[in-house]
Protein backbone atom coordinates (compact mmCIF):
# COMPACT_ATOMS: atom_id res chain seq x y z
CA UNK A 1 74.39 -89.94 -73.94
CA UNK A 2 73.81 -86.33 -75.00
CA UNK A 3 75.18 -83.81 -72.50
CA UNK A 4 73.07 -80.73 -71.73
CA UNK A 5 75.15 -77.89 -70.35
CA UNK A 6 72.09 -75.76 -69.57
CA UNK A 7 71.20 -78.23 -66.80
CA UNK A 8 74.25 -77.16 -64.80
CA UNK A 9 73.64 -73.73 -63.22
CA UNK A 10 76.66 -71.63 -62.25
CA UNK A 11 77.64 -70.65 -58.71
CA UNK A 12 76.15 -67.20 -59.33
CA UNK A 13 72.68 -68.74 -59.35
CA UNK A 14 73.09 -70.50 -56.00
CA UNK A 15 71.90 -68.90 -52.80
CA UNK A 16 74.45 -69.26 -49.98
CA UNK A 17 73.10 -68.70 -46.48
CA UNK A 18 75.26 -67.53 -43.59
CA UNK A 19 75.22 -68.00 -39.82
CA UNK A 20 77.05 -66.23 -36.97
CA UNK A 21 78.82 -68.67 -34.63
CA UNK A 22 79.29 -67.48 -31.04
CA UNK A 23 81.33 -69.46 -28.51
CA UNK A 24 82.12 -68.45 -24.89
CA UNK A 25 85.49 -66.69 -24.64
CA UNK A 26 86.00 -66.57 -28.41
CA UNK A 27 85.34 -63.91 -31.02
CA UNK A 28 82.20 -64.54 -33.06
CA UNK A 29 82.65 -65.43 -36.72
CA UNK A 30 80.43 -65.77 -39.78
CA UNK A 31 80.23 -69.01 -41.76
CA UNK A 32 78.49 -70.22 -44.92
CA UNK A 33 75.81 -72.91 -44.62
CA UNK A 34 76.55 -76.01 -46.70
CA UNK A 35 73.95 -78.42 -45.32
CA UNK A 36 70.96 -78.31 -42.96
CA UNK A 37 68.54 -80.76 -41.36
CA UNK A 38 65.97 -80.53 -38.60
CA UNK A 39 68.59 -81.67 -36.07
CA UNK A 40 71.76 -79.87 -37.13
CA UNK A 41 73.75 -77.77 -39.54
CA UNK A 42 77.11 -77.92 -41.35
CA UNK A 43 78.99 -74.67 -42.08
CA UNK A 44 82.19 -73.51 -43.74
CA UNK A 45 84.41 -70.73 -42.32
CA UNK A 46 87.66 -69.14 -43.50
CA UNK A 47 90.63 -70.57 -41.63
CA UNK A 48 92.21 -67.23 -40.77
CA UNK A 49 89.08 -65.77 -39.21
CA UNK A 50 87.65 -68.83 -37.49
CA UNK A 51 88.74 -70.03 -34.02
CA UNK A 52 89.83 -73.61 -33.39
CA UNK A 53 86.67 -75.01 -31.83
CA UNK A 54 86.97 -78.33 -30.05
CA UNK A 55 84.58 -81.21 -30.69
CA UNK A 56 82.00 -81.15 -27.90
CA UNK A 57 82.04 -77.35 -27.61
CA UNK A 58 78.69 -75.65 -27.09
CA UNK A 59 78.00 -72.57 -29.23
CA UNK A 60 75.18 -70.25 -30.16
CA UNK A 61 74.18 -70.07 -33.81
CA UNK A 62 72.58 -66.79 -34.91
CA UNK A 63 70.49 -67.29 -38.04
CA UNK A 64 69.27 -64.24 -39.91
CA UNK A 65 66.80 -63.72 -42.73
CA UNK A 66 65.84 -60.14 -43.41
CA UNK A 67 65.44 -58.22 -40.15
CA UNK A 68 64.81 -61.34 -38.06
CA UNK A 69 67.51 -63.07 -36.02
CA UNK A 70 67.02 -66.40 -34.26
CA UNK A 71 69.58 -67.94 -31.91
CA UNK A 72 69.90 -71.67 -31.32
CA UNK A 73 72.23 -73.60 -29.01
CA UNK A 74 74.30 -76.34 -30.65
CA UNK A 75 77.16 -78.75 -29.97
CA UNK A 76 80.11 -79.25 -32.30
CA UNK A 77 80.11 -82.87 -33.47
CA UNK A 78 82.88 -82.89 -36.10
CA UNK A 79 85.39 -80.58 -37.72
CA UNK A 80 87.66 -80.87 -40.75
CA UNK A 81 90.05 -78.75 -42.83
CA UNK A 82 89.19 -77.85 -46.44
CA UNK A 83 91.63 -75.85 -48.56
CA UNK A 84 92.24 -73.04 -46.05
CA UNK A 85 88.72 -73.26 -44.62
CA UNK A 86 87.20 -75.12 -41.67
CA UNK A 87 84.07 -77.25 -41.93
CA UNK A 88 82.08 -77.52 -38.70
CA UNK A 89 79.22 -79.95 -38.13
CA UNK A 90 76.84 -78.85 -35.35
CA UNK A 91 73.97 -80.72 -33.70
CA UNK A 92 71.22 -78.64 -32.15
CA UNK A 93 71.14 -79.02 -28.36
CA UNK A 94 67.34 -78.98 -28.42
CA UNK A 95 65.82 -79.43 -31.90
CA UNK A 96 62.40 -78.42 -30.51
CA UNK A 97 63.76 -74.86 -30.28
CA UNK A 98 63.19 -74.70 -34.02
CA UNK A 99 59.45 -74.98 -33.48
CA UNK A 100 59.39 -72.91 -30.30
CA UNK A 101 61.41 -69.90 -31.45
CA UNK A 102 61.14 -69.83 -35.23
CA UNK A 103 58.05 -69.45 -37.35
CA UNK A 104 56.95 -72.30 -39.60
CA UNK A 105 57.63 -70.17 -42.68
CA UNK A 106 61.18 -69.49 -41.49
CA UNK A 107 61.85 -73.18 -40.93
CA UNK A 108 60.49 -74.02 -44.37
CA UNK A 109 62.73 -71.42 -46.02
CA UNK A 110 65.92 -72.16 -44.11
CA UNK A 111 65.73 -75.91 -43.69
CA UNK A 112 64.61 -76.71 -47.23
CA UNK A 113 67.67 -78.68 -48.36
CA UNK A 114 67.50 -77.18 -51.85
CA UNK A 115 68.70 -73.81 -50.49
CA UNK A 116 71.78 -75.38 -48.90
CA UNK A 117 74.93 -75.28 -51.00
CA UNK A 118 75.07 -77.84 -53.81
CA UNK A 119 78.19 -78.35 -55.89
CA UNK A 120 77.66 -78.68 -59.65
CA UNK A 121 79.92 -80.72 -61.90
CA UNK A 122 81.33 -79.60 -65.23
CA UNK A 123 80.66 -81.99 -68.16
CA UNK A 124 84.23 -83.35 -68.12
CA UNK A 125 84.18 -84.21 -64.40
CA UNK A 126 80.66 -85.52 -63.74
CA UNK A 127 81.03 -88.77 -61.76
CA UNK A 128 79.73 -91.93 -63.38
CA UNK A 129 77.03 -93.21 -61.05
CA UNK A 130 75.18 -96.48 -60.50
CA UNK A 131 71.76 -96.88 -58.92
CA UNK A 132 71.56 -100.39 -57.46
CA UNK A 133 68.33 -102.02 -56.32
CA UNK A 134 69.36 -105.61 -55.68
CA UNK A 135 65.92 -106.59 -54.37
CA UNK A 136 64.31 -105.91 -57.75
CA UNK A 137 67.38 -106.61 -59.88
CA UNK A 138 67.70 -103.00 -61.06
CA UNK A 139 71.07 -101.52 -62.11
CA UNK A 140 70.78 -98.07 -63.67
CA UNK A 141 73.83 -96.09 -64.82
CA UNK A 142 74.09 -92.35 -65.31
CA UNK A 143 76.13 -89.26 -64.48
CA UNK A 144 75.93 -87.03 -61.41
CA UNK A 145 75.12 -83.38 -62.18
CA UNK A 146 75.10 -81.95 -58.66
CA UNK A 147 75.67 -83.08 -55.09
CA UNK A 148 75.00 -81.97 -51.51
CA UNK A 149 75.05 -83.65 -48.13
CA UNK A 150 71.35 -84.37 -48.56
CA UNK A 151 71.19 -85.83 -52.04
CA UNK A 152 72.08 -85.56 -55.70
CA UNK A 153 70.74 -84.93 -59.19
CA UNK A 154 71.56 -87.55 -61.82
CA UNK A 155 71.12 -87.72 -65.59
CA UNK A 156 70.15 -91.14 -66.99
CA UNK A 157 68.78 -92.47 -70.25
CA UNK A 158 65.05 -91.98 -70.72
CA UNK A 159 64.46 -95.70 -71.25
CA UNK A 160 66.12 -96.50 -67.91
CA UNK A 161 64.18 -93.75 -66.13
CA UNK A 162 60.72 -95.01 -67.13
CA UNK A 163 61.50 -98.27 -65.30
CA UNK A 164 62.01 -96.41 -62.02
CA UNK A 165 59.38 -95.28 -59.54
CA UNK A 166 59.20 -92.57 -56.90
CA UNK A 167 60.13 -93.66 -53.34
CA UNK A 168 62.17 -96.57 -54.75
CA UNK A 169 65.21 -97.36 -52.59
CA UNK A 170 68.68 -97.63 -54.10
CA UNK A 171 72.32 -97.86 -53.24
CA UNK A 172 74.01 -94.94 -55.03
CA UNK A 173 77.58 -95.81 -56.04
CA UNK A 174 79.97 -93.12 -57.31
CA UNK A 175 83.56 -91.86 -57.16
CA UNK A 176 84.17 -88.14 -56.67
CA UNK A 177 86.75 -86.27 -58.79
CA UNK A 178 90.21 -86.51 -57.26
CA UNK A 179 89.13 -89.07 -54.68
CA UNK A 180 90.49 -92.64 -54.62
CA UNK A 181 87.54 -94.36 -52.96
CA UNK A 182 84.20 -95.42 -54.38
CA UNK A 183 81.37 -94.15 -52.17
CA UNK A 184 78.10 -95.98 -51.58
CA UNK A 185 75.12 -94.27 -49.98
CA UNK A 186 71.55 -95.54 -49.51
CA UNK A 187 69.04 -93.21 -51.14
CA UNK A 188 65.40 -92.77 -52.12
CA UNK A 189 64.21 -91.61 -55.54
CA UNK A 190 62.15 -88.46 -54.97
CA UNK A 191 61.27 -87.43 -58.53
CA UNK A 192 62.32 -87.54 -62.15
CA UNK A 193 61.45 -85.67 -65.33
CA UNK A 194 62.19 -86.24 -69.00
CA UNK A 195 64.56 -83.89 -70.84
CA UNK A 196 64.49 -85.11 -74.43
CA UNK A 197 66.39 -88.41 -74.75
CA UNK A 198 67.49 -88.34 -71.11
CA UNK A 199 65.89 -87.78 -67.72
CA UNK A 200 66.85 -85.96 -64.54
CA UNK A 201 66.66 -88.05 -61.36
CA UNK A 202 66.51 -86.49 -57.88
CA UNK A 203 67.63 -88.78 -55.05
CA UNK A 204 67.71 -88.11 -51.32
CA UNK A 205 70.27 -89.88 -49.14
CA UNK A 206 68.61 -92.12 -46.53
CA UNK A 207 70.25 -92.06 -43.10
CA UNK A 208 67.96 -94.80 -41.79
CA UNK A 209 69.30 -97.48 -44.12
CA UNK A 210 72.95 -97.74 -43.09
CA UNK A 211 74.99 -97.67 -39.88
CA UNK A 212 77.92 -96.30 -41.88
CA UNK A 213 75.86 -93.47 -43.38
CA UNK A 214 77.34 -90.68 -41.24
CA UNK A 215 80.94 -91.60 -42.13
CA UNK A 216 80.27 -91.70 -45.88
CA UNK A 217 78.18 -88.54 -45.74
CA UNK A 218 81.06 -86.76 -43.98
CA UNK A 219 83.24 -87.60 -46.98
CA UNK A 220 80.59 -86.01 -49.23
CA UNK A 221 80.36 -82.91 -47.04
CA UNK A 222 84.15 -82.53 -47.01
CA UNK A 223 84.15 -82.61 -50.81
CA UNK A 224 81.30 -80.08 -51.03
CA UNK A 225 83.08 -77.84 -48.52
CA UNK A 226 86.29 -77.91 -50.56
CA UNK A 227 84.39 -76.96 -53.70
CA UNK A 228 82.69 -74.06 -51.93
CA UNK A 229 86.03 -72.91 -50.50
CA UNK A 230 87.63 -72.96 -53.96
CA UNK A 231 84.69 -71.09 -55.48
CA UNK A 232 84.84 -68.39 -52.80
CA UNK A 233 88.59 -68.05 -53.22
CA UNK A 234 88.18 -67.63 -56.97
CA UNK A 235 85.63 -64.89 -56.35
């Protein structure tokens, strides 16, 4: 399969959003957003400047775009260490605050998953990936070009791509660089486009299809957080 380096944008082209985390009795700190949904947010903070929050802690998250600041209450659901940084996963205490306190345009801009941090793979490290649809007997192989907690972009052969359809459900099977375990996540095909002899496939992970989804997705978020931490450390 021909590899197309121009399909892998550098970190300089990625927009990284930040949020101020404020907890009672602790000094506020700023963290980078690595994943967002309508019900929560995952962030990455430098280990030296971030307090040791306990799971179950309630915090205020101050989100800023331009001159506007919007504060939401959230509860810490999980925390992990990533190469000198901390990854925090927060769940909004009242998701309806998004609609009540933030304009529709703000929500669309901030909670569009494409603006959350996505890690891009170099040609020599792109994970080999399988799309499995056992119901229809489909097994499509390709390589993963980028990854976030919400989904991934894959490159597959054009012949394989034309047999796929939007909204088709798959099990995405892949092994991340430096990780011993093969990960499997349910996903939905959102779109694809031809790029010469290959095609780009956009898949969105589907939380409704698996009881183990949150555990596997945490492994993905930990990997993405480590990559972001390494990129920030390298400047």
